[in-house]
N, C-alpha and C. Protein backbone atom coordinates (compact mmCIF):
# COMPACT_ATOMS: atom_id res chain seq x y z
N MET A 1 5.72 249.80 110.17
CA MET A 1 6.19 248.73 111.05
C MET A 1 5.76 247.55 110.17
N HIS A 2 5.15 247.46 109.09
CA HIS A 2 4.74 246.25 108.19
C HIS A 2 6.09 245.84 107.69
N GLU A 3 7.10 246.51 107.83
CA GLU A 3 8.31 246.25 107.07
C GLU A 3 9.10 245.09 107.92
N TYR A 4 8.49 244.85 109.23
CA TYR A 4 9.15 243.73 110.07
C TYR A 4 9.17 242.49 109.58
N PRO A 5 7.85 241.84 109.08
CA PRO A 5 7.78 240.75 108.71
C PRO A 5 8.48 240.54 106.97
N ILE A 6 8.23 241.42 106.62
CA ILE A 6 9.18 241.18 105.02
C ILE A 6 10.51 241.20 105.50
N THR A 7 11.01 241.93 106.42
CA THR A 7 12.44 242.04 106.43
C THR A 7 12.92 240.58 107.03
N LEU A 8 12.01 239.92 107.91
CA LEU A 8 12.41 238.57 108.41
C LEU A 8 12.57 237.97 107.39
N ASN A 9 11.55 238.00 106.23
CA ASN A 9 11.74 236.89 105.29
C ASN A 9 12.74 236.82 104.39
N ILE A 10 13.19 238.15 104.26
CA ILE A 10 14.29 238.28 103.45
C ILE A 10 15.54 237.77 103.86
N ILE A 11 15.77 237.77 105.44
CA ILE A 11 16.70 237.25 106.06
C ILE A 11 16.81 235.67 106.14
N LYS A 12 15.45 235.29 106.13
CA LYS A 12 15.34 233.52 106.14
C LYS A 12 15.71 233.26 104.66
N ILE A 13 15.07 233.71 103.32
CA ILE A 13 15.74 233.64 102.19
C ILE A 13 17.23 233.58 102.16
N ALA A 14 17.70 234.60 102.74
CA ALA A 14 19.37 234.83 102.47
C ALA A 14 20.10 233.81 103.16
N GLU A 15 19.56 233.28 104.53
CA GLU A 15 20.30 232.31 105.21
C GLU A 15 20.20 230.83 104.48
N LYS A 16 18.71 230.65 103.87
CA LYS A 16 18.46 229.34 103.01
C LYS A 16 19.48 229.27 102.04
N HIS A 17 19.67 230.66 101.48
CA HIS A 17 20.77 230.52 100.09
C HIS A 17 22.13 230.15 100.47
N CYS A 18 22.59 230.99 101.76
CA CYS A 18 23.92 230.43 102.19
C CYS A 18 23.94 229.03 102.64
N LYS A 19 22.99 228.60 103.29
CA LYS A 19 23.39 227.20 103.82
C LYS A 19 23.29 226.12 102.39
N GLU A 20 22.37 226.41 101.43
CA GLU A 20 22.50 225.66 100.17
C GLU A 20 23.84 225.78 99.59
N ALA A 21 24.63 227.06 99.70
CA ALA A 21 25.69 227.25 98.74
C ALA A 21 26.75 226.76 99.79
N GLY A 22 26.61 226.18 100.83
CA GLY A 22 27.63 225.77 101.83
C GLY A 22 28.67 226.62 102.27
N ALA A 23 28.10 228.23 102.49
CA ALA A 23 28.75 229.21 102.85
C ALA A 23 28.82 229.52 104.32
N GLN A 24 29.80 230.03 104.93
CA GLN A 24 29.67 230.56 106.33
C GLN A 24 28.71 231.61 106.78
N ARG A 25 28.66 232.91 105.82
CA ARG A 25 27.82 233.82 106.04
C ARG A 25 27.25 234.60 104.67
N VAL A 26 26.19 235.42 104.97
CA VAL A 26 25.74 236.40 104.17
C VAL A 26 26.41 237.48 104.06
N LYS A 27 27.22 238.03 102.90
CA LYS A 27 27.92 239.09 102.83
C LYS A 27 27.40 240.28 102.53
N LYS A 28 26.25 239.94 101.49
CA LYS A 28 25.56 241.47 100.96
C LYS A 28 24.29 240.76 100.35
N ILE A 29 23.22 241.71 100.38
CA ILE A 29 22.05 241.36 99.75
C ILE A 29 21.61 242.57 99.04
N LYS A 30 21.23 242.41 97.83
CA LYS A 30 20.74 243.65 96.96
C LYS A 30 19.22 243.31 96.85
N LEU A 31 18.45 244.75 97.42
CA LEU A 31 17.14 244.65 97.15
C LEU A 31 16.62 245.48 96.29
N VAL A 32 15.57 245.54 95.60
CA VAL A 32 14.86 246.52 94.68
C VAL A 32 13.62 246.90 95.27
N ILE A 33 13.35 248.26 95.56
CA ILE A 33 12.20 248.41 96.01
C ILE A 33 11.54 249.65 95.50
N GLY A 34 10.47 249.52 94.92
CA GLY A 34 9.76 250.44 94.15
C GLY A 34 9.32 251.65 95.29
N ASP A 35 9.28 252.89 94.75
CA ASP A 35 8.78 254.05 95.58
C ASP A 35 7.19 253.78 96.26
N TYR A 36 6.44 252.96 94.94
CA TYR A 36 4.93 252.83 95.10
C TYR A 36 4.77 251.18 95.81
N SER A 37 5.91 250.50 96.31
CA SER A 37 5.69 249.28 96.74
C SER A 37 4.81 249.09 98.19
N GLY A 38 4.78 250.22 98.78
CA GLY A 38 4.23 250.03 100.42
C GLY A 38 5.28 249.86 101.28
N TYR A 39 6.52 249.66 100.87
CA TYR A 39 7.65 249.51 101.71
C TYR A 39 8.63 250.74 101.82
N VAL A 40 9.20 250.88 103.03
CA VAL A 40 10.16 252.22 103.35
C VAL A 40 11.57 251.72 103.34
N SER A 41 12.36 251.87 102.30
CA SER A 41 13.73 251.38 102.22
C SER A 41 14.65 251.42 103.84
N ASP A 42 14.11 252.99 104.40
CA ASP A 42 15.22 253.26 105.34
C ASP A 42 14.50 252.21 106.60
N SER A 43 13.35 251.90 106.81
CA SER A 43 12.92 250.70 107.51
C SER A 43 13.30 249.64 107.58
N VAL A 44 13.26 249.01 106.09
CA VAL A 44 13.71 247.80 105.90
C VAL A 44 15.22 247.53 106.51
N HIS A 45 16.10 248.78 105.97
CA HIS A 45 17.42 248.66 106.48
C HIS A 45 17.84 248.47 108.04
N MET A 46 16.69 249.37 108.72
CA MET A 46 16.73 249.34 110.17
C MET A 46 16.43 248.16 110.67
N TYR A 47 15.43 247.65 110.28
CA TYR A 47 15.02 246.18 110.78
C TYR A 47 16.10 245.21 110.46
N PHE A 48 16.71 244.95 109.23
CA PHE A 48 17.59 244.22 108.81
C PHE A 48 18.83 244.04 110.01
N ASP A 49 19.43 245.35 110.26
CA ASP A 49 20.42 245.37 111.13
C ASP A 49 19.85 244.96 112.48
N LEU A 50 18.68 245.00 113.07
CA LEU A 50 18.19 244.20 114.11
C LEU A 50 18.01 243.07 114.37
N ILE A 51 16.97 242.55 113.31
CA ILE A 51 16.67 241.05 113.33
C ILE A 51 17.96 240.10 112.49
N GLY A 52 19.04 240.76 112.04
CA GLY A 52 20.02 240.16 111.58
C GLY A 52 20.94 239.75 112.61
N GLU A 53 20.96 240.46 113.72
CA GLU A 53 21.98 240.09 114.89
C GLU A 53 21.99 238.39 115.38
N GLY A 54 23.15 237.79 115.30
CA GLY A 54 22.96 236.42 115.78
C GLY A 54 22.41 235.30 114.69
N THR A 55 22.29 235.83 113.20
CA THR A 55 21.96 235.01 112.19
C THR A 55 23.20 234.83 111.04
N LEU A 56 22.88 234.21 110.08
CA LEU A 56 24.24 234.13 109.17
C LEU A 56 24.24 235.68 108.56
N CYS A 57 23.30 236.46 108.50
CA CYS A 57 23.32 237.68 107.88
C CYS A 57 23.86 239.05 108.99
N GLU A 58 24.35 238.54 110.22
CA GLU A 58 24.78 239.64 110.89
C GLU A 58 26.18 240.01 110.28
N GLY A 59 25.89 241.42 110.10
CA GLY A 59 26.99 242.04 109.79
C GLY A 59 27.18 242.20 108.16
N ALA A 60 26.16 241.69 107.68
CA ALA A 60 26.09 241.73 105.91
C ALA A 60 25.58 243.34 105.48
N GLU A 61 26.00 243.55 104.38
CA GLU A 61 25.67 244.88 103.78
C GLU A 61 24.46 244.55 103.02
N ILE A 62 23.51 245.67 103.30
CA ILE A 62 22.52 245.46 102.56
C ILE A 62 22.43 246.59 101.62
N GLU A 63 22.17 246.48 100.28
CA GLU A 63 22.17 247.36 99.29
C GLU A 63 20.70 247.48 98.68
N ILE A 64 20.17 249.02 98.74
CA ILE A 64 18.78 249.02 98.38
C ILE A 64 18.73 249.98 97.24
N GLU A 65 18.14 249.35 95.82
CA GLU A 65 18.17 250.04 94.79
C GLU A 65 16.48 250.70 94.72
N ASN A 66 16.25 252.02 94.59
CA ASN A 66 15.19 252.47 94.84
C ASN A 66 14.49 252.78 93.27
N VAL A 67 13.28 252.37 92.99
CA VAL A 67 12.97 252.63 91.90
C VAL A 67 11.64 253.60 91.88
N LYS A 68 11.98 254.51 91.14
CA LYS A 68 10.62 255.68 90.70
C LYS A 68 9.65 255.30 89.78
N PRO A 69 8.61 255.58 90.24
CA PRO A 69 7.26 254.87 89.35
C PRO A 69 7.40 255.62 88.19
N MET A 70 6.93 255.12 87.08
CA MET A 70 6.55 255.59 85.63
C MET A 70 5.34 255.71 85.15
N LEU A 71 4.87 256.67 84.36
CA LEU A 71 3.85 256.46 83.71
C LEU A 71 4.00 256.10 81.99
N LYS A 72 2.91 255.76 81.69
CA LYS A 72 2.84 255.35 80.28
C LYS A 72 1.77 256.23 79.42
N CYS A 73 2.40 256.66 78.24
CA CYS A 73 1.24 257.58 77.61
C CYS A 73 0.35 256.96 76.65
N SER A 74 -0.76 257.29 76.96
CA SER A 74 -2.07 256.38 76.30
C SER A 74 -1.71 256.87 74.78
N GLN A 75 -1.29 257.63 74.23
CA GLN A 75 -1.34 257.93 72.89
C GLN A 75 -0.06 257.37 72.12
N CYS A 76 0.89 257.68 72.84
CA CYS A 76 2.38 257.27 72.02
C CYS A 76 3.01 256.15 72.59
N GLY A 77 2.60 255.80 74.17
CA GLY A 77 3.40 254.68 74.67
C GLY A 77 4.28 255.16 75.27
N GLU A 78 5.14 256.32 75.39
CA GLU A 78 6.16 256.97 76.06
C GLU A 78 6.13 256.61 77.72
N LEU A 79 7.26 255.84 77.87
CA LEU A 79 7.33 255.82 79.71
C LEU A 79 7.96 256.91 80.06
N PHE A 80 7.33 257.54 80.95
CA PHE A 80 7.83 258.94 81.69
C PHE A 80 7.60 259.20 83.04
N TYR A 81 8.63 260.06 83.72
CA TYR A 81 8.12 260.22 85.19
C TYR A 81 7.14 261.41 85.20
N LYS A 82 6.28 261.05 86.14
CA LYS A 82 5.35 262.16 86.33
C LYS A 82 5.92 263.87 87.02
N LYS A 83 5.59 264.65 86.48
CA LYS A 83 5.75 265.83 86.93
C LYS A 83 4.99 266.18 87.95
N LEU A 84 5.05 266.98 88.75
CA LEU A 84 4.32 267.53 90.07
C LEU A 84 2.97 268.11 89.23
N LEU A 85 1.79 267.87 89.83
CA LEU A 85 0.54 268.37 89.19
C LEU A 85 0.30 268.32 87.76
N SER A 86 0.94 267.42 87.21
CA SER A 86 0.82 266.92 85.74
C SER A 86 0.91 265.53 85.49
N PHE A 87 0.05 265.02 84.42
CA PHE A 87 0.11 263.69 83.84
C PHE A 87 0.23 263.66 82.61
N GLU A 88 1.01 264.71 81.97
CA GLU A 88 0.99 264.95 80.60
C GLU A 88 2.21 264.43 80.16
N CYS A 89 2.50 263.61 78.98
CA CYS A 89 3.42 263.25 78.40
C CYS A 89 4.39 264.32 77.73
N PRO A 90 5.66 264.16 78.03
CA PRO A 90 6.54 265.29 77.69
C PRO A 90 6.90 264.95 75.99
N LYS A 91 6.66 263.96 75.60
CA LYS A 91 6.79 263.59 74.26
C LYS A 91 5.86 263.74 73.23
N CYS A 92 4.64 263.86 73.62
CA CYS A 92 3.22 263.96 72.47
C CYS A 92 2.20 265.08 73.29
N GLY A 93 2.35 265.01 74.52
CA GLY A 93 1.16 265.77 74.95
C GLY A 93 0.12 265.01 75.80
N GLY A 94 0.11 263.60 75.37
CA GLY A 94 -1.12 262.75 76.02
C GLY A 94 -1.10 262.79 77.32
N GLU A 95 -2.01 261.98 77.99
CA GLU A 95 -2.13 261.70 79.21
C GLU A 95 -1.64 260.50 79.54
N GLY A 96 -0.67 260.40 80.59
CA GLY A 96 -0.28 259.00 81.23
C GLY A 96 -1.17 258.58 82.33
N GLY A 97 -0.66 257.14 82.05
CA GLY A 97 -1.41 256.28 83.20
C GLY A 97 -0.41 255.44 84.06
N PRO A 98 -0.87 255.05 84.99
CA PRO A 98 0.12 254.19 85.80
C PRO A 98 0.31 252.97 85.07
N THR A 99 1.69 252.31 85.80
CA THR A 99 2.06 251.08 85.40
C THR A 99 2.66 250.56 86.48
N GLU A 100 3.30 249.41 86.18
CA GLU A 100 3.85 248.56 87.34
C GLU A 100 5.03 249.09 87.79
N ILE A 101 5.71 249.77 87.13
CA ILE A 101 7.26 250.36 87.27
C ILE A 101 7.12 251.44 88.76
N GLY A 102 7.74 250.97 89.64
CA GLY A 102 7.75 251.68 90.93
C GLY A 102 7.06 250.84 92.06
N LYS A 103 6.62 249.64 91.61
CA LYS A 103 5.82 248.95 92.74
C LYS A 103 6.59 247.76 92.77
N GLU A 104 8.00 247.61 92.31
CA GLU A 104 8.50 246.65 92.72
C GLU A 104 9.04 246.20 93.96
N PHE A 105 9.48 245.06 94.45
CA PHE A 105 10.00 244.48 95.97
C PHE A 105 10.56 243.14 95.68
N TYR A 106 11.77 243.09 95.51
CA TYR A 106 12.30 241.70 95.26
C TYR A 106 13.59 241.66 95.85
N VAL A 107 14.32 240.60 95.94
CA VAL A 107 15.48 240.32 96.31
C VAL A 107 16.33 240.10 94.83
N GLU A 108 17.34 240.81 94.52
CA GLU A 108 17.93 241.09 93.32
C GLU A 108 19.20 239.80 93.43
N SER A 109 19.80 240.08 94.39
CA SER A 109 20.91 239.07 94.68
C SER A 109 21.63 238.73 96.24
N ILE A 110 22.18 238.03 96.30
CA ILE A 110 22.56 237.37 97.69
C ILE A 110 24.28 237.23 97.31
N GLU A 111 25.06 237.67 98.20
CA GLU A 111 26.45 237.26 98.02
C GLU A 111 26.58 236.72 99.27
N VAL A 112 27.71 235.40 99.16
CA VAL A 112 27.80 234.74 100.54
C VAL A 112 29.26 234.50 100.65
N GLU A 113 30.04 234.16 101.53
CA GLU A 113 31.36 233.72 101.73
C GLU A 113 31.31 232.59 102.86
């Protein structure tokens, strides 16, 4: 349910951008959401459709790029996707640690017309 306020803010950002561009409506919003961001893409999409009614975002397409988290090897620096029950680097066998990759949440672009 915490997707509601963030989705409301996305709509406010898009409407502000639309007004500043002198456009009639928001056509498309592209979001980047990491799997470890704490937000569920499907919930953002659902709330966007509900909250967007009666706004400049009504009927706009929302495109979401999901980012899978990656680990970074402490020995060789390789970035890699974690395998189930393993933190082992596929390149050198070292141990991978967490990175910021997969924690993203931002508006990448807004198209207006």
